[in-house]
């Protein structure tokens, strides 16, 4: 998870970009922070999905094969 300081900085830069604009350095920083945030978010979402099992109304496991393979990989590590 991203630190509170980094999240605060992302929000600070977003507000500044809407009001006064960003310098080139600030725009680069914002881009790097956003990329780090997205990477962290995607990783967290993937870990959440690895714990999901999909069951149809009849009680049959209909979890997609790709998700099952990811779960198996997680168990091996």
PDB file of N, CA and C in Angstrom:
ATOM      1  N   UNK A   1       0.848  -1.182   0.000  1.00  0.00           N
ATOM      2  CA  UNK A   1       0.000   0.000   0.000  1.00  0.00           C
ATOM      3  C   UNK A   1       0.888   1.238   0.000  1.00  0.00           C
ATOM      4  N   UNK A   2       0.431   2.266  -0.651  1.00  0.00           N
ATOM      5  CA  UNK A   2       1.158   3.518  -0.729  1.00  0.00           C
ATOM      6  C   UNK A   2       1.062   4.248   0.607  1.00  0.00           C
ATOM      7  N   UNK A   3       2.127   4.924   0.973  1.00  0.00           N
ATOM      8  CA  UNK A   3       2.139   5.631   2.249  1.00  0.00           C
ATOM      9  C   UNK A   3       1.177   6.825   2.216  1.00  0.00           C
ATOM     10  N   UNK A   4       0.774   7.244   3.395  1.00  0.00           N
ATOM     11  CA  UNK A   4      -0.133   8.399   3.500  1.00  0.00           C
ATOM     12  C   UNK A   4       0.521   9.650   2.929  1.00  0.00           C
ATOM     13  N   UNK A   5       1.833   9.768   3.113  1.00  0.00           N
ATOM     14  CA  UNK A   5       2.549  10.934   2.593  1.00  0.00           C
ATOM     15  C   UNK A   5       2.481  10.991   1.066  1.00  0.00           C
ATOM     16  N   UNK A   6       2.656   9.836   0.423  1.00  0.00           N
ATOM     17  CA  UNK A   6       2.613   9.810  -1.033  1.00  0.00           C
ATOM     18  C   UNK A   6       1.204  10.086  -1.543  1.00  0.00           C
ATOM     19  N   UNK A   7       0.201   9.525  -0.877  1.00  0.00           N
ATOM     20  CA  UNK A   7      -1.178   9.803  -1.275  1.00  0.00           C
ATOM     21  C   UNK A   7      -1.508  11.284  -1.115  1.00  0.00           C
ATOM     22  N   UNK A   8      -1.047  11.868  -0.029  1.00  0.00           N
ATOM     23  CA  UNK A   8      -1.276  13.295   0.203  1.00  0.00           C
ATOM     24  C   UNK A   8      -0.591  14.123  -0.889  1.00  0.00           C
ATOM     25  N   UNK A   9       0.610  13.700  -1.282  1.00  0.00           N
ATOM     26  CA  UNK A   9       1.345  14.433  -2.319  1.00  0.00           C
ATOM     27  C   UNK A   9       0.632  14.316  -3.671  1.00  0.00           C
ATOM     28  N   UNK A  10       0.089  13.133  -3.977  1.00  0.00           N
ATOM     29  CA  UNK A  10      -0.674  12.965  -5.216  1.00  0.00           C
ATOM     30  C   UNK A  10      -1.848  13.935  -5.234  1.00  0.00           C
ATOM     31  N   UNK A  11      -2.578  14.011  -4.128  1.00  0.00           N
ATOM     32  CA  UNK A  11      -3.732  14.909  -4.041  1.00  0.00           C
ATOM     33  C   UNK A  11      -3.312  16.373  -4.121  1.00  0.00           C
ATOM     34  N   UNK A  12      -2.208  16.686  -3.472  1.00  0.00           N
ATOM     35  CA  UNK A  12      -1.691  18.058  -3.498  1.00  0.00           C
ATOM     36  C   UNK A  12      -1.343  18.475  -4.925  1.00  0.00           C
ATOM     37  N   UNK A  13      -0.664  17.601  -5.647  1.00  0.00           N
ATOM     38  CA  UNK A  13      -0.284  17.912  -7.029  1.00  0.00           C
ATOM     39  C   UNK A  13      -1.518  17.989  -7.932  1.00  0.00           C
ATOM     40  N   UNK A  14      -2.518  17.156  -7.682  1.00  0.00           N
ATOM     41  CA  UNK A  14      -3.745  17.200  -8.477  1.00  0.00           C
ATOM     42  C   UNK A  14      -4.457  18.532  -8.291  1.00  0.00           C
ATOM     43  N   UNK A  15      -4.545  18.992  -7.052  1.00  0.00           N
ATOM     44  CA  UNK A  15      -5.184  20.286  -6.777  1.00  0.00           C
ATOM     45  C   UNK A  15      -4.417  21.424  -7.432  1.00  0.00           C
ATOM     46  N   UNK A  16      -3.088  21.360  -7.316  1.00  0.00           N
ATOM     47  CA  UNK A  16      -2.260  22.427  -7.891  1.00  0.00           C
ATOM     48  C   UNK A  16      -2.376  22.446  -9.412  1.00  0.00           C
ATOM     49  N   UNK A  17      -2.469  21.254 -10.036  1.00  0.00           N
ATOM     50  CA  UNK A  17      -2.574  21.209 -11.494  1.00  0.00           C
ATOM     51  C   UNK A  17      -3.878  21.839 -11.969  1.00  0.00           C
ATOM     52  N   UNK A  18      -4.918  21.758 -11.150  1.00  0.00           N
ATOM     53  CA  UNK A  18      -6.208  22.335 -11.520  1.00  0.00           C
ATOM     54  C   UNK A  18      -6.255  23.845 -11.302  1.00  0.00           C
ATOM     55  N   UNK A  19      -5.443  24.337 -10.366  1.00  0.00           N
ATOM     56  CA  UNK A  19      -5.509  25.762 -10.043  1.00  0.00           C
ATOM     57  C   UNK A  19      -4.414  26.559 -10.747  1.00  0.00           C
ATOM     58  N   UNK A  20      -3.169  26.338 -10.370  1.00  0.00           N
ATOM     59  CA  UNK A  20      -2.081  27.171 -10.905  1.00  0.00           C
ATOM     60  C   UNK A  20      -1.237  26.476 -11.950  1.00  0.00           C
ATOM     61  N   UNK A  21      -1.376  25.172 -12.090  1.00  0.00           N
ATOM     62  CA  UNK A  21      -0.559  24.430 -13.042  1.00  0.00           C
ATOM     63  C   UNK A  21       0.698  23.892 -12.376  1.00  0.00           C
ATOM     64  N   UNK A  22       1.318  22.929 -13.041  1.00  0.00           N
ATOM     65  CA  UNK A  22       2.502  22.281 -12.486  1.00  0.00           C
ATOM     66  C   UNK A  22       3.744  22.636 -13.290  1.00  0.00           C
ATOM     67  N   UNK A  23       4.865  22.665 -12.605  1.00  0.00           N
ATOM     68  CA  UNK A  23       6.143  22.811 -13.307  1.00  0.00           C
ATOM     69  C   UNK A  23       6.471  21.471 -13.959  1.00  0.00           C
ATOM     70  N   UNK A  24       7.485  21.453 -14.808  1.00  0.00           N
ATOM     71  CA  UNK A  24       7.878  20.208 -15.457  1.00  0.00           C
ATOM     72  C   UNK A  24       8.296  19.159 -14.435  1.00  0.00           C
ATOM     73  N   UNK A  25       9.001  19.594 -13.411  1.00  0.00           N
ATOM     74  CA  UNK A  25       9.457  18.668 -12.368  1.00  0.00           C
ATOM     75  C   UNK A  25       8.276  18.087 -11.598  1.00  0.00           C
ATOM     76  N   UNK A  26       7.321  18.944 -11.291  1.00  0.00           N
ATOM     77  CA  UNK A  26       6.135  18.489 -10.562  1.00  0.00           C
ATOM     78  C   UNK A  26       5.297  17.532 -11.413  1.00  0.00           C
ATOM     79  N   UNK A  27       5.211  17.810 -12.712  1.00  0.00           N
ATOM     80  CA  UNK A  27       4.461  16.931 -13.607  1.00  0.00           C
ATOM     81  C   UNK A  27       5.122  15.558 -13.681  1.00  0.00           C
ATOM     82  N   UNK A  28       6.444  15.529 -13.720  1.00  0.00           N
ATOM     83  CA  UNK A  28       7.170  14.256 -13.719  1.00  0.00           C
ATOM     84  C   UNK A  28       6.942  13.513 -12.411  1.00  0.00           C
ATOM     85  N   UNK A  29       6.983  14.246 -11.296  1.00  0.00           N
ATOM     86  CA  UNK A  29       6.750  13.640  -9.986  1.00  0.00           C
ATOM     87  C   UNK A  29       5.335  13.070  -9.920  1.00  0.00           C
ATOM     88  N   UNK A  30       4.362  13.832 -10.404  1.00  0.00           N
ATOM     89  CA  UNK A  30       2.974  13.389 -10.399  1.00  0.00           C
ATOM     90  C   UNK A  30       2.814  12.114 -11.227  1.00  0.00           C
ATOM     91  N   UNK A  31       3.430  12.089 -12.376  1.00  0.00           N
ATOM     92  CA  UNK A  31       3.351  10.921 -13.239  1.00  0.00           C
ATOM     93  C   UNK A  31       3.965   9.689 -12.568  1.00  0.00           C
ATOM     94  N   UNK A  32       5.107   9.858 -11.924  1.00  0.00           N
ATOM     95  CA  UNK A  32       5.771   8.745 -11.235  1.00  0.00           C
ATOM     96  C   UNK A  32       4.929   8.254 -10.057  1.00  0.00           C
ATOM     97  N   UNK A  33       4.358   9.184  -9.295  1.00  0.00           N
ATOM     98  CA  UNK A  33       3.520   8.801  -8.158  1.00  0.00           C
ATOM     99  C   UNK A  33       2.257   8.072  -8.615  1.00  0.00           C
ATOM    100  N   UNK A  34       1.661   8.552  -9.700  1.00  0.00           N
ATOM    101  CA  UNK A  34       0.461   7.893 -10.222  1.00  0.00           C
ATOM    102  C   UNK A  34       0.786   6.479 -10.702  1.00  0.00           C
ATOM    103  N   UNK A  35       1.927   6.323 -11.382  1.00  0.00           N
ATOM    104  CA  UNK A  35       2.334   4.999 -11.856  1.00  0.00           C
ATOM    105  C   UNK A  35       2.552   4.048 -10.678  1.00  0.00           C
ATOM    106  N   UNK A  36       3.191   4.541  -9.627  1.00  0.00           N
ATOM    107  CA  UNK A  36       3.409   3.722  -8.433  1.00  0.00           C
ATOM    108  C   UNK A  36       2.079   3.354  -7.780  1.00  0.00           C
ATOM    109  N   UNK A  37       1.162   4.311  -7.729  1.00  0.00           N
ATOM    110  CA  UNK A  37      -0.158   4.062  -7.148  1.00  0.00           C
ATOM    111  C   UNK A  37      -0.896   2.982  -7.939  1.00  0.00           C
ATOM    112  N   UNK A  38      -0.888   3.103  -9.269  1.00  0.00           N
ATOM    113  CA  UNK A  38      -1.580   2.123 -10.105  1.00  0.00           C
ATOM    114  C   UNK A  38      -0.973   0.731  -9.970  1.00  0.00           C
ATOM    115  N   UNK A  39       0.342   0.666  -9.899  1.00  0.00           N
ATOM    116  CA  UNK A  39       1.011  -0.621  -9.729  1.00  0.00           C
ATOM    117  C   UNK A  39       0.593  -1.266  -8.405  1.00  0.00           C
ATOM    118  N   UNK A  40       0.562  -0.476  -7.356  1.00  0.00           N
ATOM    119  CA  UNK A  40       0.156  -0.976  -6.039  1.00  0.00           C
ATOM    120  C   UNK A  40      -1.305  -1.418  -6.055  1.00  0.00           C
ATOM    121  N   UNK A  41      -2.158  -0.618  -6.683  1.00  0.00           N
ATOM    122  CA  UNK A  41      -3.581  -0.946  -6.765  1.00  0.00           C
ATOM    123  C   UNK A  41      -3.802  -2.244  -7.530  1.00  0.00           C
ATOM    124  N   UNK A  42      -3.151  -2.374  -8.679  1.00  0.00           N
ATOM    125  CA  UNK A  42      -3.322  -3.580  -9.496  1.00  0.00           C
ATOM    126  C   UNK A  42      -2.840  -4.825  -8.765  1.00  0.00           C
ATOM    127  N   UNK A  43      -1.728  -4.700  -8.075  1.00  0.00           N
ATOM    128  CA  UNK A  43      -1.196  -5.832  -7.317  1.00  0.00           C
ATOM    129  C   UNK A  43      -2.169  -6.240  -6.220  1.00  0.00           C
ATOM    130  N   UNK A  44      -2.714  -5.268  -5.527  1.00  0.00           N
ATOM    131  CA  UNK A  44      -3.674  -5.534  -4.474  1.00  0.00           C
ATOM    132  C   UNK A  44      -4.939  -6.188  -5.031  1.00  0.00           C
ATOM    133  N   UNK A  45      -5.421  -5.689  -6.163  1.00  0.00           N
ATOM    134  CA  UNK A  45      -6.621  -6.247  -6.779  1.00  0.00           C
ATOM    135  C   UNK A  45      -6.372  -7.682  -7.220  1.00  0.00           C
ATOM    136  N   UNK A  46      -5.213  -7.964  -7.792  1.00  0.00           N
ATOM    137  CA  UNK A  46      -4.890  -9.322  -8.223  1.00  0.00           C
ATOM    138  C   UNK A  46      -4.855 -10.271  -7.033  1.00  0.00           C
ATOM    139  N   UNK A  47      -4.267  -9.830  -5.932  1.00  0.00           N
ATOM    140  CA  UNK A  47      -4.247 -10.663  -4.732  1.00  0.00           C
ATOM    141  C   UNK A  47      -5.652 -10.923  -4.206  1.00  0.00           C
ATOM    142  N   UNK A  48      -6.520  -9.934  -4.299  1.00  0.00           N
ATOM    143  CA  UNK A  48      -7.906 -10.105  -3.876  1.00  0.00           C
ATOM    144  C   UNK A  48      -8.612 -11.120  -4.770  1.00  0.00           C
ATOM    145  N   UNK A  49      -8.419 -11.002  -6.079  1.00  0.00           N
ATOM    146  CA  UNK A  49      -9.070 -11.915  -7.008  1.00  0.00           C
ATOM    147  C   UNK A  49      -8.583 -13.348  -6.855  1.00  0.00           C
ATOM    148  N   UNK A  50      -7.339 -13.515  -6.442  1.00  0.00           N
ATOM    149  CA  UNK A  50      -6.803 -14.860  -6.253  1.00  0.00           C
ATOM    150  C   UNK A  50      -7.521 -15.596  -5.125  1.00  0.00           C
ATOM    151  N   UNK A  51      -8.192 -14.870  -4.277  1.00  0.00           N
ATOM    152  CA  UNK A  51      -8.924 -15.480  -3.179  1.00  0.00           C
ATOM    153  C   UNK A  51     -10.399 -15.709  -3.478  1.00  0.00           C
ATOM    154  N   UNK A  52     -10.817 -15.407  -4.715  1.00  0.00           N
ATOM    155  CA  UNK A  52     -12.224 -15.495  -5.084  1.00  0.00           C
ATOM    156  C   UNK A  52     -12.525 -16.832  -5.763  1.00  0.00           C
ATOM    157  N   UNK A  53     -13.651 -17.402  -5.415  1.00  0.00           N
ATOM    158  CA  UNK A  53     -14.176 -18.571  -6.111  1.00  0.00           C
ATOM    159  C   UNK A  53     -15.569 -18.198  -6.609  1.00  0.00           C
ATOM    160  N   UNK A  54     -15.817 -18.465  -7.879  1.00  0.00           N
ATOM    161  CA  UNK A  54     -17.110 -18.115  -8.473  1.00  0.00           C
ATOM    162  C   UNK A  54     -17.971 -19.373  -8.520  1.00  0.00           C
ATOM    163  N   UNK A  55     -19.173 -19.239  -7.975  1.00  0.00           N
ATOM    164  CA  UNK A  55     -20.103 -20.363  -7.899  1.00  0.00           C
ATOM    165  C   UNK A  55     -21.405 -19.960  -8.576  1.00  0.00           C
ATOM    166  N   UNK A  56     -21.927 -20.852  -9.448  1.00  0.00           N
ATOM    167  CA  UNK A  56     -23.197 -20.566 -10.119  1.00  0.00           C
ATOM    168  C   UNK A  56     -24.372 -20.864  -9.171  1.00  0.00           C
ATOM    169  N   UNK A  57     -25.601 -20.527  -9.574  1.00  0.00           N
ATOM    170  CA  UNK A  57     -26.764 -20.741  -8.689  1.00  0.00           C
ATOM    171  C   UNK A  57     -26.976 -22.195  -8.258  1.00  0.00           C
ATOM    172  N   UNK A  58     -26.419 -23.133  -9.014  1.00  0.00           N
ATOM    173  CA  UNK A  58     -26.566 -24.542  -8.668  1.00  0.00           C
ATOM    174  C   UNK A  58     -25.477 -25.035  -7.726  1.00  0.00           C
ATOM    175  N   UNK A  59     -24.544 -24.159  -7.395  1.00  0.00           N
ATOM    176  CA  UNK A  59     -23.471 -24.521  -6.482  1.00  0.00           C
ATOM    177  C   UNK A  59     -22.235 -25.082  -7.155  1.00  0.00           C
ATOM    178  N   UNK A  60     -22.184 -25.010  -8.485  1.00  0.00           N
ATOM    179  CA  UNK A  60     -21.022 -25.503  -9.221  1.00  0.00           C
ATOM    180  C   UNK A  60     -19.927 -24.439  -9.275  1.00  0.00           C
ATOM    181  N   UNK A  61     -18.698 -24.872  -9.115  1.00  0.00           N
ATOM    182  CA  UNK A  61     -17.559 -23.958  -9.204  1.00  0.00           C
ATOM    183  C   UNK A  61     -17.341 -23.609 -10.675  1.00  0.00           C
ATOM    184  N   UNK A  62     -17.522 -22.347 -11.023  1.00  0.00           N
ATOM    185  CA  UNK A  62     -17.350 -21.894 -12.405  1.00  0.00           C
ATOM    186  C   UNK A  62     -16.241 -20.837 -12.496  1.00  0.00           C
ATOM    187  N   UNK A  63     -15.272 -20.941 -11.614  1.00  0.00           N
ATOM    188  CA  UNK A  63     -14.146 -20.025 -11.611  1.00  0.00           C
ATOM    189  C   UNK A  63     -13.381 -20.174 -12.926  1.00  0.00           C
ATOM    190  N   UNK A  64     -13.068 -19.068 -13.601  1.00  0.00           N
ATOM    191  CA  UNK A  64     -12.322 -19.161 -14.860  1.00  0.00           C
ATOM    192  C   UNK A  64     -10.980 -19.881 -14.667  1.00  0.00           C
ATOM    193  N   UNK A  65     -10.586 -20.643 -15.703  1.00  0.00           N
ATOM    194  CA  UNK A  65      -9.350 -21.431 -15.641  1.00  0.00           C
ATOM    195  C   UNK A  65      -8.132 -20.552 -15.353  1.00  0.00           C
ATOM    196  N   UNK A  66      -8.113 -19.381 -15.949  1.00  0.00           N
ATOM    197  CA  UNK A  66      -6.971 -18.486 -15.753  1.00  0.00           C
ATOM    198  C   UNK A  66      -6.833 -18.097 -14.285  1.00  0.00           C
ATOM    199  N   UNK A  67      -7.932 -17.843 -13.617  1.00  0.00           N
ATOM    200  CA  UNK A  67      -7.899 -17.485 -12.202  1.00  0.00           C
ATOM    201  C   UNK A  67      -7.463 -18.682 -11.358  1.00  0.00           C
ATOM    202  N   UNK A  68      -7.914 -19.862 -11.723  1.00  0.00           N
ATOM    203  CA  UNK A  68      -7.496 -21.069 -11.002  1.00  0.00           C
ATOM    204  C   UNK A  68      -5.986 -21.267 -11.145  1.00  0.00           C
ATOM    205  N   UNK A  69      -5.454 -21.027 -12.347  1.00  0.00           N
ATOM    206  CA  UNK A  69      -4.013 -21.154 -12.569  1.00  0.00           C
ATOM    207  C   UNK A  69      -3.238 -20.158 -11.715  1.00  0.00           C
ATOM    208  N   UNK A  70      -3.748 -18.935 -11.606  1.00  0.00           N
ATOM    209  CA  UNK A  70      -3.098 -17.924 -10.768  1.00  0.00           C
ATOM    210  C   UNK A  70      -3.116 -18.346  -9.300  1.00  0.00           C
ATOM    211  N   UNK A  71      -4.216 -18.923  -8.854  1.00  0.00           N
ATOM    212  CA  UNK A  71      -4.306 -19.406  -7.472  1.00  0.00           C
ATOM    213  C   UNK A  71      -3.270 -20.488  -7.229  1.00  0.00           C
ATOM    214  N   UNK A  72      -3.118 -21.405  -8.197  1.00  0.00           N
ATOM    215  CA  UNK A  72      -2.149 -22.482  -8.063  1.00  0.00           C
ATOM    216  C   UNK A  72      -0.727 -21.937  -7.988  1.00  0.00           C
ATOM    217  N   UNK A  73      -0.441 -20.924  -8.780  1.00  0.00           N
ATOM    218  CA  UNK A  73       0.891 -20.286  -8.750  1.00  0.00           C
ATOM    219  C   UNK A  73       1.146 -19.668  -7.381  1.00  0.00           C
ATOM    220  N   UNK A  74       0.111 -19.058  -6.824  1.00  0.00           N
ATOM    221  CA  UNK A  74       0.240 -18.417  -5.517  1.00  0.00           C
ATOM    222  C   UNK A  74       0.560 -19.456  -4.438  1.00  0.00           C
ATOM    223  N   UNK A  75      -0.075 -20.634  -4.533  1.00  0.00           N
ATOM    224  CA  UNK A  75       0.168 -21.696  -3.562  1.00  0.00           C
ATOM    225  C   UNK A  75       1.599 -22.218  -3.633  1.00  0.00           C
ATOM    226  N   UNK A  76       2.181 -22.212  -4.818  1.00  0.00           N
ATOM    227  CA  UNK A  76       3.540 -22.726  -4.997  1.00  0.00           C
ATOM    228  C   UNK A  76       4.593 -21.783  -4.423  1.00  0.00           C
ATOM    229  N   UNK A  77       4.250 -20.507  -4.287  1.00  0.00           N
ATOM    230  CA  UNK A  77       5.232 -19.516  -3.811  1.00  0.00           C
ATOM    231  C   UNK A  77       5.135 -19.327  -2.360  1.00  0.00           C
TER     232      UNK A  77
END
